[in-house]
Amino acid sequence: NLPRFYLYLTLFMFSMLGIVLADNTILMYVFWELTSVSSFLLISYWYNNGDSQFGAMQ
């Protein structure tokens, strides 16, 4: 299920770019939260591994 991983990675990169290019605080906060969500999805992608599930919730 590698396409799902690349979707999460693309979402993460898009949100990081949005943080850099944001011109106001509200937009920066939205992209910051999107980065947090996409980071959670990337870490928890390997759901078979118990350590990654624990790490995603940290």
C-alpha atoms as a PDB file:
ATOM      1  CA  ASN A   1       0.000   0.000   0.000  1.00  0.00           C
ATOM      2  CA  LEU A   2       2.806   2.360  -0.955  1.00  0.00           C
ATOM      3  CA  PRO A   3       0.639   4.967  -2.770  1.00  0.00           C
ATOM      4  CA  ARG A   4      -1.007   5.834   0.550  1.00  0.00           C
ATOM      5  CA  PHE A   5       2.435   6.446   2.066  1.00  0.00           C
ATOM      6  CA  TYR A   6       3.353   8.784  -0.789  1.00  0.00           C
ATOM      7  CA  LEU A   7       0.041  10.603  -0.368  1.00  0.00           C
ATOM      8  CA  TYR A   8       0.849  11.238   3.302  1.00  0.00           C
ATOM      9  CA  LEU A   9       4.371  12.325   2.399  1.00  0.00           C
ATOM     10  CA  THR A  10       3.083  14.743  -0.240  1.00  0.00           C
ATOM     11  CA  LEU A  11       0.577  16.169   2.233  1.00  0.00           C
ATOM     12  CA  PHE A  12       3.387  16.661   4.751  1.00  0.00           C
ATOM     13  CA  MET A  13       5.608  18.436   2.214  1.00  0.00           C
ATOM     14  CA  PHE A  14       2.714  20.636   1.052  1.00  0.00           C
ATOM     15  CA  SER A  15       1.918  21.668   4.606  1.00  0.00           C
ATOM     16  CA  MET A  16       5.574  22.447   5.370  1.00  0.00           C
ATOM     17  CA  LEU A  17       5.720  24.612   2.261  1.00  0.00           C
ATOM     18  CA  GLY A  18       2.523  26.318   3.386  1.00  0.00           C
ATOM     19  CA  ILE A  19       4.129  27.218   6.712  1.00  0.00           C
ATOM     20  CA  VAL A  20       7.054  28.846   4.938  1.00  0.00           C
ATOM     21  CA  LEU A  21       4.895  30.747   2.449  1.00  0.00           C
ATOM     22  CA  ALA A  22       2.110  31.806   4.850  1.00  0.00           C
ATOM     23  CA  ASP A  23       1.647  35.557   4.961  1.00  0.00           C
ATOM     24  CA  ASN A  24      -0.506  35.756   8.087  1.00  0.00           C
ATOM     25  CA  THR A  25      -0.681  34.046  11.443  1.00  0.00           C
ATOM     26  CA  ILE A  26      -3.992  32.266  10.907  1.00  0.00           C
ATOM     27  CA  LEU A  27      -2.844  30.640   7.694  1.00  0.00           C
ATOM     28  CA  MET A  28       0.417  29.663   9.346  1.00  0.00           C
ATOM     29  CA  TYR A  29      -1.512  28.045  12.202  1.00  0.00           C
ATOM     30  CA  VAL A  30      -3.680  26.086   9.738  1.00  0.00           C
ATOM     31  CA  PHE A  31      -0.632  24.730   7.950  1.00  0.00           C
ATOM     32  CA  TRP A  32       1.048  24.012  11.292  1.00  0.00           C
ATOM     33  CA  GLU A  33      -1.894  21.841  12.320  1.00  0.00           C
ATOM     34  CA  LEU A  34      -1.923  20.173   8.912  1.00  0.00           C
ATOM     35  CA  THR A  35       1.750  19.357   9.438  1.00  0.00           C
ATOM     36  CA  SER A  36       0.896  17.769  12.784  1.00  0.00           C
ATOM     37  CA  VAL A  37      -1.861  15.634  11.288  1.00  0.00           C
ATOM     38  CA  SER A  38       0.228  14.515   8.337  1.00  0.00           C
ATOM     39  CA  SER A  39       3.145  13.751  10.667  1.00  0.00           C
ATOM     40  CA  PHE A  40       0.839  11.559  12.749  1.00  0.00           C
ATOM     41  CA  LEU A  41      -0.293   9.761   9.596  1.00  0.00           C
ATOM     42  CA  LEU A  42       3.284   9.189   8.451  1.00  0.00           C
ATOM     43  CA  ILE A  43       4.424   7.839  11.805  1.00  0.00           C
ATOM     44  CA  SER A  44       1.408   5.601  12.236  1.00  0.00           C
ATOM     45  CA  TYR A  45       1.616   4.308   8.656  1.00  0.00           C
ATOM     46  CA  TRP A  46       3.562   1.292   9.872  1.00  0.00           C
ATOM     47  CA  TYR A  47       0.654   0.210  12.074  1.00  0.00           C
ATOM     48  CA  ASN A  48       1.983  -3.374  12.335  1.00  0.00           C
ATOM     49  CA  ASN A  49       4.879  -2.135  14.455  1.00  0.00           C
ATOM     50  CA  GLY A  50       3.870  -1.444  18.069  1.00  0.00           C
ATOM     51  CA  ASP A  51       6.633   1.119  18.522  1.00  0.00           C
ATOM     52  CA  SER A  52       5.331   3.242  15.657  1.00  0.00           C
ATOM     53  CA  GLN A  53       1.832   3.216  17.115  1.00  0.00           C
ATOM     54  CA  PHE A  54       3.207   4.356  20.465  1.00  0.00           C
ATOM     55  CA  GLY A  55       5.424   6.959  18.800  1.00  0.00           C
ATOM     56  CA  ALA A  56       2.535   8.386  16.806  1.00  0.00           C
ATOM     57  CA  MET A  57       0.611   9.103  19.980  1.00  0.00           C
ATOM     58  CA  GLN A  58       3.529  10.912  21.671  1.00  0.00           C
END
